[in-house]
Amino acid sequence: LIQNADDNRYSNDVMVPSLELSVQVDPTFGPYIATVNNELGLSKKDVRAICDVNASLKGAAQTGHKGIGWKSVFRGSDCPIVISRAFAFKFDVAVLGRLGLVTP
């Protein structure tokens, strides 16, 4: 997740990129890790790349150019949730089985 923040796009008025990692507790679902930053947010192309097992839109000079960084969240979660500007979706293994790793 830190790697993804390093690769984010920021508006010109953001002088200092920020990243906040915190552990939260939801009364229904239990503990989770939340990440918040001041990036521009995901584009449609970004969402498609997240949903593709072997895709990355990042160039060779970017930290996450190999396309496996985001996918690593599945090692710690069966239901990661993404909220980014116009997009809100989750990958739910309980609903879709292993297909849930790539299908929101």
C-alpha atoms as a PDB file:
ATOM      1  CA  LEU A   1       0.000   0.000   0.000  1.00  0.00           C
ATOM      2  CA  ILE A   2       2.890   2.342   0.671  1.00  0.00           C
ATOM      3  CA  GLN A   3       4.324   1.434  -2.716  1.00  0.00           C
ATOM      4  CA  ASN A   4       1.025   2.397  -4.360  1.00  0.00           C
ATOM      5  CA  ALA A   5       1.069   5.780  -2.622  1.00  0.00           C
ATOM      6  CA  ASP A   6       4.580   6.390  -3.946  1.00  0.00           C
ATOM      7  CA  ASP A   7       3.264   5.933  -7.501  1.00  0.00           C
ATOM      8  CA  ASN A   8       0.142   8.098  -7.127  1.00  0.00           C
ATOM      9  CA  ARG A   9      -0.656  11.166  -9.186  1.00  0.00           C
ATOM     10  CA  TYR A  10      -1.131  14.426  -7.298  1.00  0.00           C
ATOM     11  CA  SER A  11      -2.602  17.775  -8.338  1.00  0.00           C
ATOM     12  CA  ASN A  12      -0.197  20.655  -8.839  1.00  0.00           C
ATOM     13  CA  ASP A  13      -1.408  22.385  -5.670  1.00  0.00           C
ATOM     14  CA  VAL A  14      -0.339  19.456  -3.439  1.00  0.00           C
ATOM     15  CA  MET A  15       2.985  20.603  -2.032  1.00  0.00           C
ATOM     16  CA  VAL A  16       3.546  17.530   0.148  1.00  0.00           C
ATOM     17  CA  PRO A  17       1.984  14.160  -0.669  1.00  0.00           C
ATOM     18  CA  SER A  18       0.567  12.498   2.428  1.00  0.00           C
ATOM     19  CA  LEU A  19      -0.287   8.953   3.432  1.00  0.00           C
ATOM     20  CA  GLU A  20      -2.096   7.841   6.559  1.00  0.00           C
ATOM     21  CA  LEU A  21      -2.256   4.193   7.637  1.00  0.00           C
ATOM     22  CA  SER A  22      -4.471   3.284  10.559  1.00  0.00           C
ATOM     23  CA  VAL A  23      -6.121   0.293  12.166  1.00  0.00           C
ATOM     24  CA  GLN A  24      -9.861   0.791  12.565  1.00  0.00           C
ATOM     25  CA  VAL A  25     -12.559  -1.399  14.078  1.00  0.00           C
ATOM     26  CA  ASP A  26     -15.998  -1.753  12.535  1.00  0.00           C
ATOM     27  CA  PRO A  27     -18.623  -3.076  14.973  1.00  0.00           C
ATOM     28  CA  THR A  28     -19.991  -5.483  12.348  1.00  0.00           C
ATOM     29  CA  PHE A  29     -16.904  -6.543  10.394  1.00  0.00           C
ATOM     30  CA  GLY A  30     -14.144  -6.189  12.962  1.00  0.00           C
ATOM     31  CA  PRO A  31     -10.661  -4.713  12.533  1.00  0.00           C
ATOM     32  CA  TYR A  32      -9.307  -3.444   9.230  1.00  0.00           C
ATOM     33  CA  ILE A  33      -6.430  -1.353   7.916  1.00  0.00           C
ATOM     34  CA  ALA A  34      -7.395   1.967   6.325  1.00  0.00           C
ATOM     35  CA  THR A  35      -5.147   3.953   4.007  1.00  0.00           C
ATOM     36  CA  VAL A  36      -5.882   7.568   3.114  1.00  0.00           C
ATOM     37  CA  ASN A  37      -3.867   9.962   0.979  1.00  0.00           C
ATOM     38  CA  ASN A  38      -4.230  13.199  -0.961  1.00  0.00           C
ATOM     39  CA  GLU A  39      -3.830  11.830  -4.484  1.00  0.00           C
ATOM     40  CA  LEU A  40      -6.009  12.609  -7.514  1.00  0.00           C
ATOM     41  CA  GLY A  41      -7.756   9.236  -7.275  1.00  0.00           C
ATOM     42  CA  LEU A  42      -8.204   6.266  -9.560  1.00  0.00           C
ATOM     43  CA  SER A  43      -9.028   6.559 -13.250  1.00  0.00           C
ATOM     44  CA  LYS A  44     -11.081   4.012 -15.226  1.00  0.00           C
ATOM     45  CA  LYS A  45      -7.812   2.614 -16.592  1.00  0.00           C
ATOM     46  CA  ASP A  46      -6.448   2.228 -13.043  1.00  0.00           C
ATOM     47  CA  VAL A  47      -9.534   0.280 -11.983  1.00  0.00           C
ATOM     48  CA  ARG A  48      -9.220  -2.012 -15.000  1.00  0.00           C
ATOM     49  CA  ALA A  49      -5.548  -2.662 -14.165  1.00  0.00           C
ATOM     50  CA  ILE A  50      -6.417  -3.474 -10.532  1.00  0.00           C
ATOM     51  CA  CYS A  51      -8.951  -6.010 -11.797  1.00  0.00           C
ATOM     52  CA  ASP A  52      -6.467  -7.668 -14.166  1.00  0.00           C
ATOM     53  CA  VAL A  53      -4.140 -10.288 -12.720  1.00  0.00           C
ATOM     54  CA  ASN A  54      -1.166  -9.365 -14.894  1.00  0.00           C
ATOM     55  CA  ALA A  55      -1.713  -5.677 -15.698  1.00  0.00           C
ATOM     56  CA  SER A  56       0.041  -2.496 -14.655  1.00  0.00           C
ATOM     57  CA  LEU A  57      -0.178   1.001 -16.098  1.00  0.00           C
ATOM     58  CA  LYS A  58       3.031   2.043 -14.381  1.00  0.00           C
ATOM     59  CA  GLY A  59       6.258   2.802 -16.189  1.00  0.00           C
ATOM     60  CA  ALA A  60       9.591   1.110 -15.445  1.00  0.00           C
ATOM     61  CA  ALA A  61      10.687   4.080 -13.294  1.00  0.00           C
ATOM     62  CA  GLN A  62       7.722   3.709 -10.935  1.00  0.00           C
ATOM     63  CA  THR A  63       7.878   1.626  -7.773  1.00  0.00           C
ATOM     64  CA  GLY A  64       4.959  -0.658  -8.663  1.00  0.00           C
ATOM     65  CA  HIS A  65       5.707  -1.294 -12.323  1.00  0.00           C
ATOM     66  CA  LYS A  66       5.556  -5.088 -11.971  1.00  0.00           C
ATOM     67  CA  GLY A  67       1.806  -5.038 -11.340  1.00  0.00           C
ATOM     68  CA  ILE A  68       1.703  -7.189  -8.197  1.00  0.00           C
ATOM     69  CA  GLY A  69       1.713  -4.570  -5.419  1.00  0.00           C
ATOM     70  CA  TRP A  70      -2.030  -4.113  -5.063  1.00  0.00           C
ATOM     71  CA  LYS A  71      -2.643  -7.823  -5.493  1.00  0.00           C
ATOM     72  CA  SER A  72      -0.567  -8.430  -2.354  1.00  0.00           C
ATOM     73  CA  VAL A  73      -3.482  -7.195  -0.203  1.00  0.00           C
ATOM     74  CA  PHE A  74      -5.132 -10.558  -0.845  1.00  0.00           C
ATOM     75  CA  ARG A  75      -2.492 -12.158   1.377  1.00  0.00           C
ATOM     76  CA  GLY A  76      -4.072 -10.328   4.331  1.00  0.00           C
ATOM     77  CA  SER A  77      -7.707  -9.852   3.314  1.00  0.00           C
ATOM     78  CA  ASP A  78     -10.478 -11.882   1.733  1.00  0.00           C
ATOM     79  CA  CYS A  79     -12.494  -8.723   1.066  1.00  0.00           C
ATOM     80  CA  PRO A  80     -10.427  -5.600   0.331  1.00  0.00           C
ATOM     81  CA  ILE A  81     -12.521  -2.494  -0.336  1.00  0.00           C
ATOM     82  CA  VAL A  82     -11.461   0.358  -2.618  1.00  0.00           C
ATOM     83  CA  ILE A  83     -12.912   3.859  -2.279  1.00  0.00           C
ATOM     84  CA  SER A  84     -11.366   6.458  -4.567  1.00  0.00           C
ATOM     85  CA  ARG A  85     -13.249   9.533  -5.747  1.00  0.00           C
ATOM     86  CA  ALA A  86     -15.902   8.222  -8.180  1.00  0.00           C
ATOM     87  CA  PHE A  87     -15.158   4.547  -7.487  1.00  0.00           C
ATOM     88  CA  ALA A  88     -16.205   2.303  -4.609  1.00  0.00           C
ATOM     89  CA  PHE A  89     -15.943  -1.464  -4.930  1.00  0.00           C
ATOM     90  CA  LYS A  90     -14.763  -4.584  -3.142  1.00  0.00           C
ATOM     91  CA  PHE A  91     -13.202  -7.910  -4.040  1.00  0.00           C
ATOM     92  CA  ASP A  92     -15.157 -10.454  -2.024  1.00  0.00           C
ATOM     93  CA  VAL A  93     -13.844 -14.016  -1.953  1.00  0.00           C
ATOM     94  CA  ALA A  94     -16.802 -15.111   0.208  1.00  0.00           C
ATOM     95  CA  VAL A  95     -19.228 -14.206  -2.590  1.00  0.00           C
ATOM     96  CA  LEU A  96     -17.229 -15.077  -5.728  1.00  0.00           C
ATOM     97  CA  GLY A  97     -14.707 -17.613  -4.463  1.00  0.00           C
ATOM     98  CA  ARG A  98     -11.164 -17.204  -5.803  1.00  0.00           C
ATOM     99  CA  LEU A  99     -12.622 -15.281  -8.764  1.00  0.00           C
ATOM    100  CA  GLY A 100     -13.286 -12.540  -6.204  1.00  0.00           C
ATOM    101  CA  LEU A 101      -9.550 -11.798  -6.294  1.00  0.00           C
ATOM    102  CA  VAL A 102      -9.945 -10.143  -9.690  1.00  0.00           C
ATOM    103  CA  THR A 103     -13.687  -9.424 -10.033  1.00  0.00           C
ATOM    104  CA  PRO A 104     -15.151  -6.569  -7.990  1.00  0.00           C
END
